[in-house]
């Protein structure tokens, strides 16, 4: 019983400390508003995401399934990035770096 409790506590601690970051493989879809971004890719608003859900992950937009919009520290859909232009510029720089 003690092992189960410790395991559960460690799992919650890991989830609380883990920060979600967008998958940079989808950088070309950030800010285009075409709904082409995949789940876990970056976004500046819901229009970027194929799922229609740009979730707030500690001030960073991450496309998410609606059912998972409050998991792993995300704060729900409808995130609108207040620094959208800087986020889009960083994504474009990542695309240049990746070459695709």
PDB file of N, CA and C in Angstrom:
ATOM      1  N   UNK A   1       0.818  -1.204   0.000  1.00  0.00           N
ATOM      2  CA  UNK A   1       0.000   0.000   0.000  1.00  0.00           C
ATOM      3  C   UNK A   1       0.853   1.255   0.000  1.00  0.00           C
ATOM      4  N   UNK A   2       1.926   1.231   0.777  1.00  0.00           N
ATOM      5  CA  UNK A   2       2.808   2.394   0.839  1.00  0.00           C
ATOM      6  C   UNK A   2       3.467   2.631  -0.512  1.00  0.00           C
ATOM      7  N   UNK A   3       3.852   1.572  -1.193  1.00  0.00           N
ATOM      8  CA  UNK A   3       4.489   1.708  -2.501  1.00  0.00           C
ATOM      9  C   UNK A   3       3.551   2.369  -3.503  1.00  0.00           C
ATOM     10  N   UNK A   4       2.294   1.979  -3.456  1.00  0.00           N
ATOM     11  CA  UNK A   4       1.319   2.570  -4.370  1.00  0.00           C
ATOM     12  C   UNK A   4       1.173   4.052  -4.080  1.00  0.00           C
ATOM     13  N   UNK A   5       1.089   4.434  -2.836  1.00  0.00           N
ATOM     14  CA  UNK A   5       0.946   5.843  -2.470  1.00  0.00           C
ATOM     15  C   UNK A   5       2.156   6.645  -2.922  1.00  0.00           C
ATOM     16  N   UNK A   6       3.346   6.125  -2.703  1.00  0.00           N
ATOM     17  CA  UNK A   6       4.566   6.818  -3.126  1.00  0.00           C
ATOM     18  C   UNK A   6       4.601   6.941  -4.644  1.00  0.00           C
ATOM     19  N   UNK A   7       4.236   5.900  -5.337  1.00  0.00           N
ATOM     20  CA  UNK A   7       4.212   5.927  -6.803  1.00  0.00           C
ATOM     21  C   UNK A   7       3.230   6.970  -7.314  1.00  0.00           C
ATOM     22  N   UNK A   8       2.065   7.020  -6.727  1.00  0.00           N
ATOM     23  CA  UNK A   8       1.063   8.006  -7.141  1.00  0.00           C
ATOM     24  C   UNK A   8       1.560   9.421  -6.853  1.00  0.00           C
ATOM     25  N   UNK A   9       2.166   9.633  -5.709  1.00  0.00           N
ATOM     26  CA  UNK A   9       2.686  10.963  -5.372  1.00  0.00           C
ATOM     27  C   UNK A   9       3.782  11.377  -6.344  1.00  0.00           C
ATOM     28  N   UNK A  10       4.656  10.446  -6.719  1.00  0.00           N
ATOM     29  CA  UNK A  10       5.714  10.762  -7.679  1.00  0.00           C
ATOM     30  C   UNK A  10       5.136  11.085  -9.052  1.00  0.00           C
ATOM     31  N   UNK A  11       4.099  10.384  -9.433  1.00  0.00           N
ATOM     32  CA  UNK A  11       3.456  10.656 -10.723  1.00  0.00           C
ATOM     33  C   UNK A  11       2.851  12.051 -10.742  1.00  0.00           C
ATOM     34  N   UNK A  12       2.172  12.439  -9.655  1.00  0.00           N
ATOM     35  CA  UNK A  12       1.603  13.781  -9.583  1.00  0.00           C
ATOM     36  C   UNK A  12       2.687  14.846  -9.564  1.00  0.00           C
ATOM     37  N   UNK A  13       3.768  14.594  -8.857  1.00  0.00           N
ATOM     38  CA  UNK A  13       4.875  15.557  -8.810  1.00  0.00           C
ATOM     39  C   UNK A  13       5.494  15.730 -10.184  1.00  0.00           C
ATOM     40  N   UNK A  14       5.685  14.637 -10.898  1.00  0.00           N
ATOM     41  CA  UNK A  14       6.257  14.715 -12.249  1.00  0.00           C
ATOM     42  C   UNK A  14       5.345  15.491 -13.178  1.00  0.00           C
ATOM     43  N   UNK A  15       4.041  15.279 -13.067  1.00  0.00           N
ATOM     44  CA  UNK A  15       3.084  15.999 -13.910  1.00  0.00           C
ATOM     45  C   UNK A  15       3.081  17.483 -13.581  1.00  0.00           C
ATOM     46  N   UNK A  16       3.183  17.807 -12.308  1.00  0.00           N
ATOM     47  CA  UNK A  16       3.167  19.207 -11.895  1.00  0.00           C
ATOM     48  C   UNK A  16       4.431  19.930 -12.339  1.00  0.00           C
ATOM     49  N   UNK A  17       5.547  19.253 -12.326  1.00  0.00           N
ATOM     50  CA  UNK A  17       6.811  19.878 -12.687  1.00  0.00           C
ATOM     51  C   UNK A  17       7.057  19.877 -14.189  1.00  0.00           C
ATOM     52  N   UNK A  18       6.440  18.950 -14.894  1.00  0.00           N
ATOM     53  CA  UNK A  18       6.645  18.862 -16.340  1.00  0.00           C
ATOM     54  C   UNK A  18       5.979  20.023 -17.051  1.00  0.00           C
ATOM     55  N   UNK A  19       6.724  20.653 -17.915  1.00  0.00           N
ATOM     56  CA  UNK A  19       6.167  21.768 -18.673  1.00  0.00           C
ATOM     57  C   UNK A  19       6.004  21.348 -20.123  1.00  0.00           C
ATOM     58  N   UNK A  20       4.862  21.614 -20.653  1.00  0.00           N
ATOM     59  CA  UNK A  20       4.562  21.273 -22.040  1.00  0.00           C
ATOM     60  C   UNK A  20       5.241  22.300 -22.938  1.00  0.00           C
ATOM     61  N   UNK A  21       5.897  21.817 -23.960  1.00  0.00           N
ATOM     62  CA  UNK A  21       6.468  22.702 -24.967  1.00  0.00           C
ATOM     63  C   UNK A  21       5.995  22.225 -26.335  1.00  0.00           C
ATOM     64  N   UNK A  22       5.740  23.145 -27.245  1.00  0.00           N
ATOM     65  CA  UNK A  22       5.257  22.758 -28.571  1.00  0.00           C
ATOM     66  C   UNK A  22       6.297  21.947 -29.334  1.00  0.00           C
ATOM     67  N   UNK A  23       5.827  21.007 -30.125  1.00  0.00           N
ATOM     68  CA  UNK A  23       6.680  20.220 -31.001  1.00  0.00           C
ATOM     69  C   UNK A  23       7.101  21.127 -32.157  1.00  0.00           C
ATOM     70  N   UNK A  24       8.399  21.344 -32.320  1.00  0.00           N
ATOM     71  CA  UNK A  24       8.886  22.279 -33.341  1.00  0.00           C
ATOM     72  C   UNK A  24       8.773  21.740 -34.757  1.00  0.00           C
ATOM     73  N   UNK A  25       8.451  20.451 -34.913  1.00  0.00           N
ATOM     74  CA  UNK A  25       8.296  19.895 -36.254  1.00  0.00           C
ATOM     75  C   UNK A  25       7.160  20.577 -37.017  1.00  0.00           C
ATOM     76  N   UNK A  26       6.223  21.169 -36.302  1.00  0.00           N
ATOM     77  CA  UNK A  26       5.109  21.851 -36.959  1.00  0.00           C
ATOM     78  C   UNK A  26       5.262  23.352 -37.024  1.00  0.00           C
ATOM     79  N   UNK A  27       6.475  23.841 -36.931  1.00  0.00           N
ATOM     80  CA  UNK A  27       6.702  25.292 -36.891  1.00  0.00           C
ATOM     81  C   UNK A  27       6.116  26.038 -38.079  1.00  0.00           C
ATOM     82  N   UNK A  28       6.095  25.399 -39.245  1.00  0.00           N
ATOM     83  CA  UNK A  28       5.561  26.089 -40.436  1.00  0.00           C
ATOM     84  C   UNK A  28       4.062  26.371 -40.322  1.00  0.00           C
ATOM     85  N   UNK A  29       3.374  25.696 -39.400  1.00  0.00           N
ATOM     86  CA  UNK A  29       1.930  25.891 -39.237  1.00  0.00           C
ATOM     87  C   UNK A  29       1.561  26.918 -38.178  1.00  0.00           C
ATOM     88  N   UNK A  30       2.547  27.460 -37.473  1.00  0.00           N
ATOM     89  CA  UNK A  30       2.269  28.420 -36.410  1.00  0.00           C
ATOM     90  C   UNK A  30       1.880  29.767 -37.022  1.00  0.00           C
ATOM     91  N   UNK A  31       0.699  30.232 -36.689  1.00  0.00           N
ATOM     92  CA  UNK A  31       0.260  31.554 -37.115  1.00  0.00           C
ATOM     93  C   UNK A  31      -0.341  31.624 -38.504  1.00  0.00           C
ATOM     94  N   UNK A  32      -0.485  30.497 -39.206  1.00  0.00           N
ATOM     95  CA  UNK A  32      -1.042  30.590 -40.562  1.00  0.00           C
ATOM     96  C   UNK A  32      -2.564  30.578 -40.571  1.00  0.00           C
ATOM     97  N   UNK A  33      -3.187  30.146 -39.476  1.00  0.00           N
ATOM     98  CA  UNK A  33      -4.646  30.192 -39.372  1.00  0.00           C
ATOM     99  C   UNK A  33      -5.386  29.237 -40.281  1.00  0.00           C
ATOM    100  N   UNK A  34      -4.678  28.247 -40.846  1.00  0.00           N
ATOM    101  CA  UNK A  34      -5.301  27.309 -41.786  1.00  0.00           C
ATOM    102  C   UNK A  34      -5.812  26.036 -41.132  1.00  0.00           C
ATOM    103  N   UNK A  35      -5.634  25.892 -39.840  1.00  0.00           N
ATOM    104  CA  UNK A  35      -6.068  24.679 -39.165  1.00  0.00           C
ATOM    105  C   UNK A  35      -5.241  23.461 -39.534  1.00  0.00           C
ATOM    106  N   UNK A  36      -3.995  23.686 -39.936  1.00  0.00           N
ATOM    107  CA  UNK A  36      -3.121  22.599 -40.369  1.00  0.00           C
ATOM    108  C   UNK A  36      -2.265  22.019 -39.246  1.00  0.00           C
ATOM    109  N   UNK A  37      -2.212  22.689 -38.109  1.00  0.00           N
ATOM    110  CA  UNK A  37      -1.311  22.251 -37.045  1.00  0.00           C
ATOM    111  C   UNK A  37      -1.817  20.993 -36.356  1.00  0.00           C
ATOM    112  N   UNK A  38      -0.915  20.069 -36.083  1.00  0.00           N
ATOM    113  CA  UNK A  38      -1.243  18.819 -35.412  1.00  0.00           C
ATOM    114  C   UNK A  38      -1.236  19.006 -33.892  1.00  0.00           C
ATOM    115  N   UNK A  39      -1.834  18.067 -33.188  1.00  0.00           N
ATOM    116  CA  UNK A  39      -1.835  18.091 -31.731  1.00  0.00           C
ATOM    117  C   UNK A  39      -0.394  17.999 -31.251  1.00  0.00           C
ATOM    118  N   UNK A  40      -0.038  18.819 -30.315  1.00  0.00           N
ATOM    119  CA  UNK A  40       1.281  19.036 -29.695  1.00  0.00           C
ATOM    120  C   UNK A  40       2.095  20.087 -30.429  1.00  0.00           C
ATOM    121  N   UNK A  41       1.629  20.557 -31.584  1.00  0.00           N
ATOM    122  CA  UNK A  41       2.334  21.613 -32.304  1.00  0.00           C
ATOM    123  C   UNK A  41       1.976  22.973 -31.722  1.00  0.00           C
ATOM    124  N   UNK A  42       2.803  23.966 -31.982  1.00  0.00           N
ATOM    125  CA  UNK A  42       2.574  25.317 -31.481  1.00  0.00           C
ATOM    126  C   UNK A  42       1.438  26.015 -32.196  1.00  0.00           C
ATOM    127  N   UNK A  43       0.873  27.022 -31.520  1.00  0.00           N
ATOM    128  CA  UNK A  43      -0.228  27.793 -32.100  1.00  0.00           C
ATOM    129  C   UNK A  43      -0.282  29.168 -31.454  1.00  0.00           C
ATOM    130  N   UNK A  44      -0.903  30.106 -32.159  1.00  0.00           N
ATOM    131  CA  UNK A  44      -1.136  31.426 -31.580  1.00  0.00           C
ATOM    132  C   UNK A  44      -2.620  31.642 -31.279  1.00  0.00           C
ATOM    133  N   UNK A  45      -3.476  30.781 -31.850  1.00  0.00           N
ATOM    134  CA  UNK A  45      -4.908  30.794 -31.539  1.00  0.00           C
ATOM    135  C   UNK A  45      -5.549  29.523 -32.105  1.00  0.00           C
ATOM    136  N   UNK A  46      -6.825  29.339 -31.834  1.00  0.00           N
ATOM    137  CA  UNK A  46      -7.525  28.122 -32.252  1.00  0.00           C
ATOM    138  C   UNK A  46      -7.482  27.877 -33.764  1.00  0.00           C
ATOM    139  N   UNK A  47      -7.409  28.936 -34.566  1.00  0.00           N
ATOM    140  CA  UNK A  47      -7.442  28.798 -36.027  1.00  0.00           C
ATOM    141  C   UNK A  47      -6.237  28.040 -36.567  1.00  0.00           C
ATOM    142  N   UNK A  48      -5.144  27.976 -35.824  1.00  0.00           N
ATOM    143  CA  UNK A  48      -3.961  27.245 -36.282  1.00  0.00           C
ATOM    144  C   UNK A  48      -4.141  25.730 -36.190  1.00  0.00           C
ATOM    145  N   UNK A  49      -4.979  25.284 -35.273  1.00  0.00           N
ATOM    146  CA  UNK A  49      -5.047  23.867 -34.908  1.00  0.00           C
ATOM    147  C   UNK A  49      -6.094  23.083 -35.689  1.00  0.00           C
ATOM    148  N   UNK A  50      -5.698  21.907 -36.157  1.00  0.00           N
ATOM    149  CA  UNK A  50      -6.641  21.011 -36.799  1.00  0.00           C
ATOM    150  C   UNK A  50      -7.743  20.587 -35.841  1.00  0.00           C
ATOM    151  N   UNK A  51      -7.421  20.536 -34.566  1.00  0.00           N
ATOM    152  CA  UNK A  51      -8.397  20.161 -33.536  1.00  0.00           C
ATOM    153  C   UNK A  51      -9.291  21.336 -33.142  1.00  0.00           C
ATOM    154  N   UNK A  52      -8.922  22.546 -33.566  1.00  0.00           N
ATOM    155  CA  UNK A  52      -9.684  23.737 -33.188  1.00  0.00           C
ATOM    156  C   UNK A  52      -9.455  24.169 -31.759  1.00  0.00           C
ATOM    157  N   UNK A  53      -8.388  23.647 -31.119  1.00  0.00           N
ATOM    158  CA  UNK A  53      -8.122  23.960 -29.715  1.00  0.00           C
ATOM    159  C   UNK A  53      -6.664  24.329 -29.520  1.00  0.00           C
ATOM    160  N   UNK A  54      -6.412  25.620 -29.314  1.00  0.00           N
ATOM    161  CA  UNK A  54      -5.082  26.101 -28.936  1.00  0.00           C
ATOM    162  C   UNK A  54      -5.118  26.255 -27.421  1.00  0.00           C
ATOM    163  N   UNK A  55      -4.442  25.351 -26.726  1.00  0.00           N
ATOM    164  CA  UNK A  55      -4.478  25.344 -25.269  1.00  0.00           C
ATOM    165  C   UNK A  55      -3.340  26.177 -24.694  1.00  0.00           C
ATOM    166  N   UNK A  56      -3.611  26.830 -23.587  1.00  0.00           N
ATOM    167  CA  UNK A  56      -2.619  27.621 -22.870  1.00  0.00           C
ATOM    168  C   UNK A  56      -1.791  26.691 -21.998  1.00  0.00           C
ATOM    169  N   UNK A  57      -0.513  26.571 -22.340  1.00  0.00           N
ATOM    170  CA  UNK A  57       0.411  25.747 -21.563  1.00  0.00           C
ATOM    171  C   UNK A  57       1.449  26.673 -20.953  1.00  0.00           C
ATOM    172  N   UNK A  58       1.077  27.304 -19.832  1.00  0.00           N
ATOM    173  CA  UNK A  58       1.969  28.249 -19.133  1.00  0.00           C
ATOM    174  C   UNK A  58       2.382  29.407 -20.028  1.00  0.00           C
ATOM    175  N   UNK A  59       1.421  29.969 -20.741  1.00  0.00           N
ATOM    176  CA  UNK A  59       1.674  31.137 -21.569  1.00  0.00           C
ATOM    177  C   UNK A  59       2.146  30.827 -22.979  1.00  0.00           C
ATOM    178  N   UNK A  60       2.148  29.556 -23.345  1.00  0.00           N
ATOM    179  CA  UNK A  60       2.559  29.127 -24.679  1.00  0.00           C
ATOM    180  C   UNK A  60       1.400  28.349 -25.285  1.00  0.00           C
ATOM    181  N   UNK A  61       1.089  28.597 -26.549  1.00  0.00           N
ATOM    182  CA  UNK A  61       0.009  27.890 -27.214  1.00  0.00           C
ATOM    183  C   UNK A  61       0.450  26.538 -27.739  1.00  0.00           C
ATOM    184  N   UNK A  62      -0.328  25.509 -27.419  1.00  0.00           N
ATOM    185  CA  UNK A  62      -0.065  24.149 -27.894  1.00  0.00           C
ATOM    186  C   UNK A  62      -1.388  23.561 -28.372  1.00  0.00           C
ATOM    187  N   UNK A  63      -1.429  23.098 -29.621  1.00  0.00           N
ATOM    188  CA  UNK A  63      -2.647  22.469 -30.118  1.00  0.00           C
ATOM    189  C   UNK A  63      -2.925  21.209 -29.311  1.00  0.00           C
ATOM    190  N   UNK A  64      -4.191  21.060 -28.957  1.00  0.00           N
ATOM    191  CA  UNK A  64      -4.591  19.971 -28.081  1.00  0.00           C
ATOM    192  C   UNK A  64      -5.952  19.447 -28.505  1.00  0.00           C
ATOM    193  N   UNK A  65      -6.212  18.212 -28.153  1.00  0.00           N
ATOM    194  CA  UNK A  65      -7.574  17.708 -28.283  1.00  0.00           C
ATOM    195  C   UNK A  65      -8.385  18.376 -27.183  1.00  0.00           C
ATOM    196  N   UNK A  66      -9.639  18.687 -27.446  1.00  0.00           N
ATOM    197  CA  UNK A  66     -10.465  19.324 -26.421  1.00  0.00           C
ATOM    198  C   UNK A  66     -10.516  18.501 -25.146  1.00  0.00           C
ATOM    199  N   UNK A  67     -10.577  17.186 -25.295  1.00  0.00           N
ATOM    200  CA  UNK A  67     -10.666  16.308 -24.129  1.00  0.00           C
ATOM    201  C   UNK A  67      -9.397  16.358 -23.279  1.00  0.00           C
ATOM    202  N   UNK A  68      -8.284  16.799 -23.852  1.00  0.00           N
ATOM    203  CA  UNK A  68      -7.016  16.854 -23.122  1.00  0.00           C
ATOM    204  C   UNK A  68      -6.572  18.283 -22.829  1.00  0.00           C
ATOM    205  N   UNK A  69      -7.460  19.240 -23.019  1.00  0.00           N
ATOM    206  CA  UNK A  69      -7.096  20.654 -22.894  1.00  0.00           C
ATOM    207  C   UNK A  69      -6.744  21.092 -21.472  1.00  0.00           C
ATOM    208  N   UNK A  70      -7.084  20.282 -20.492  1.00  0.00           N
ATOM    209  CA  UNK A  70      -6.751  20.617 -19.109  1.00  0.00           C
ATOM    210  C   UNK A  70      -5.781  19.611 -18.502  1.00  0.00           C
ATOM    211  N   UNK A  71      -5.163  18.791 -19.334  1.00  0.00           N
ATOM    212  CA  UNK A  71      -4.217  17.805 -18.834  1.00  0.00           C
ATOM    213  C   UNK A  71      -2.789  18.330 -18.897  1.00  0.00           C
ATOM    214  N   UNK A  72      -1.960  17.795 -18.032  1.00  0.00           N
ATOM    215  CA  UNK A  72      -0.519  18.099 -18.025  1.00  0.00           C
ATOM    216  C   UNK A  72      -0.218  19.586 -17.902  1.00  0.00           C
ATOM    217  N   UNK A  73      -1.007  20.271 -17.107  1.00  0.00           N
ATOM    218  CA  UNK A  73      -0.740  21.677 -16.840  1.00  0.00           C
ATOM    219  C   UNK A  73      -1.327  22.647 -17.846  1.00  0.00           C
ATOM    220  N   UNK A  74      -2.043  22.157 -18.848  1.00  0.00           N
ATOM    221  CA  UNK A  74      -2.676  23.064 -19.815  1.00  0.00           C
ATOM    222  C   UNK A  74      -3.921  23.674 -19.180  1.00  0.00           C
ATOM    223  N   UNK A  75      -4.255  24.871 -19.606  1.00  0.00           N
ATOM    224  CA  UNK A  75      -5.371  25.617 -19.021  1.00  0.00           C
ATOM    225  C   UNK A  75      -6.540  25.819 -19.960  1.00  0.00           C
ATOM    226  N   UNK A  76      -6.798  24.860 -20.820  1.00  0.00           N
ATOM    227  CA  UNK A  76      -7.972  24.911 -21.677  1.00  0.00           C
ATOM    228  C   UNK A  76      -7.741  25.537 -23.035  1.00  0.00           C
ATOM    229  N   UNK A  77      -8.727  25.373 -23.892  1.00  0.00           N
ATOM    230  CA  UNK A  77      -8.694  25.897 -25.263  1.00  0.00           C
ATOM    231  C   UNK A  77      -8.889  27.409 -25.277  1.00  0.00           C
ATOM    232  N   UNK A  78      -8.875  27.961 -26.462  1.00  0.00           N
ATOM    233  CA  UNK A  78      -9.145  29.374 -26.728  1.00  0.00           C
ATOM    234  C   UNK A  78      -8.005  30.301 -26.332  1.00  0.00           C
ATOM    235  N   UNK A  79      -6.785  29.767 -26.253  1.00  0.00           N
ATOM    236  CA  UNK A  79      -5.621  30.608 -25.965  1.00  0.00           C
ATOM    237  C   UNK A  79      -5.367  31.527 -27.149  1.00  0.00           C
ATOM    238  N   UNK A  80      -5.129  32.781 -26.868  1.00  0.00           N
ATOM    239  CA  UNK A  80      -4.722  33.757 -27.882  1.00  0.00           C
ATOM    240  C   UNK A  80      -3.392  34.324 -27.402  1.00  0.00           C
ATOM    241  N   UNK A  81      -2.354  34.072 -28.155  1.00  0.00           N
ATOM    242  CA  UNK A  81      -1.002  34.468 -27.762  1.00  0.00           C
ATOM    243  C   UNK A  81      -0.866  35.992 -27.788  1.00  0.00           C
ATOM    244  N   UNK A  82      -0.581  36.609 -26.636  1.00  0.00           N
ATOM    245  CA  UNK A  82      -0.410  38.064 -26.613  1.00  0.00           C
ATOM    246  C   UNK A  82       0.874  38.503 -27.314  1.00  0.00           C
ATOM    247  N   UNK A  83       1.781  37.575 -27.532  1.00  0.00           N
ATOM    248  CA  UNK A  83       3.046  37.851 -28.224  1.00  0.00           C
ATOM    249  C   UNK A  83       3.077  37.123 -29.572  1.00  0.00           C
ATOM    250  N   UNK A  84       1.952  37.112 -30.251  1.00  0.00           N
ATOM    251  CA  UNK A  84       1.809  36.327 -31.478  1.00  0.00           C
ATOM    252  C   UNK A  84       2.883  36.643 -32.509  1.00  0.00           C
ATOM    253  N   UNK A  85       3.186  37.906 -32.735  1.00  0.00           N
ATOM    254  CA  UNK A  85       4.172  38.252 -33.763  1.00  0.00           C
ATOM    255  C   UNK A  85       5.544  37.689 -33.432  1.00  0.00           C
ATOM    256  N   UNK A  86       5.942  37.749 -32.166  1.00  0.00           N
ATOM    257  CA  UNK A  86       7.230  37.187 -31.759  1.00  0.00           C
ATOM    258  C   UNK A  86       7.214  35.664 -31.871  1.00  0.00           C
ATOM    259  N   UNK A  87       6.098  35.051 -31.528  1.00  0.00           N
ATOM    260  CA  UNK A  87       5.972  33.595 -31.623  1.00  0.00           C
ATOM    261  C   UNK A  87       6.048  33.150 -33.078  1.00  0.00           C
ATOM    262  N   UNK A  88       5.370  33.871 -33.960  1.00  0.00           N
ATOM    263  CA  UNK A  88       5.398  33.548 -35.388  1.00  0.00           C
ATOM    264  C   UNK A  88       6.810  33.743 -35.946  1.00  0.00           C
ATOM    265  N   UNK A  89       7.477  34.811 -35.552  1.00  0.00           N
ATOM    266  CA  UNK A  89       8.848  35.051 -36.014  1.00  0.00           C
ATOM    267  C   UNK A  89       9.787  33.938 -35.547  1.00  0.00           C
ATOM    268  N   UNK A  90       9.630  33.496 -34.306  1.00  0.00           N
ATOM    269  CA  UNK A  90      10.467  32.401 -33.788  1.00  0.00           C
ATOM    270  C   UNK A  90      10.175  31.103 -34.541  1.00  0.00           C
ATOM    271  N   UNK A  91       8.915  30.870 -34.864  1.00  0.00           N
ATOM    272  CA  UNK A  91       8.547  29.672 -35.615  1.00  0.00           C
ATOM    273  C   UNK A  91       9.130  29.723 -37.027  1.00  0.00           C
ATOM    274  N   UNK A  92       9.090  30.883 -37.656  1.00  0.00           N
ATOM    275  CA  UNK A  92       9.657  31.022 -38.996  1.00  0.00           C
ATOM    276  C   UNK A  92      11.168  30.816 -38.978  1.00  0.00           C
ATOM    277  N   UNK A  93      11.809  31.289 -37.921  1.00  0.00           N
ATOM    278  CA  UNK A  93      13.260  31.070 -37.772  1.00  0.00           C
ATOM    279  C   UNK A  93      13.547  29.578 -37.610  1.00  0.00           C
ATOM    280  N   UNK A  94      12.683  28.876 -36.898  1.00  0.00           N
ATOM    281  CA  UNK A  94      12.835  27.434 -36.729  1.00  0.00           C
ATOM    282  C   UNK A  94      12.668  26.711 -38.060  1.00  0.00           C
ATOM    283  N   UNK A  95      11.736  27.163 -38.873  1.00  0.00           N
ATOM    284  CA  UNK A  95      11.535  26.573 -40.198  1.00  0.00           C
ATOM    285  C   UNK A  95      12.800  26.744 -41.043  1.00  0.00           C
ATOM    286  N   UNK A  96      13.384  27.935 -40.994  1.00  0.00           N
ATOM    287  CA  UNK A  96      14.627  28.194 -41.729  1.00  0.00           C
ATOM    288  C   UNK A  96      15.732  27.256 -41.252  1.00  0.00           C
ATOM    289  N   UNK A  97      15.809  27.084 -39.952  1.00  0.00           N
ATOM    290  CA  UNK A  97      16.839  26.211 -39.362  1.00  0.00           C
ATOM    291  C   UNK A  97      16.624  24.759 -39.783  1.00  0.00           C
ATOM    292  N   UNK A  98      15.354  24.322 -39.795  1.00  0.00           N
ATOM    293  CA  UNK A  98      15.038  22.955 -40.164  1.00  0.00           C
ATOM    294  C   UNK A  98      15.169  22.710 -41.661  1.00  0.00           C
ATOM    295  N   UNK A  99      14.881  23.726 -42.430  1.00  0.00           N
ATOM    296  CA  UNK A  99      14.911  23.592 -43.878  1.00  0.00           C
ATOM    297  C   UNK A  99      13.646  22.998 -44.469  1.00  0.00           C
ATOM    298  N   UNK A 100      12.575  22.911 -43.655  1.00  0.00           N
ATOM    299  CA  UNK A 100      11.290  22.415 -44.176  1.00  0.00           C
ATOM    300  C   UNK A 100      10.144  23.049 -43.437  1.00  0.00           C
TER     301      UNK A 100
END
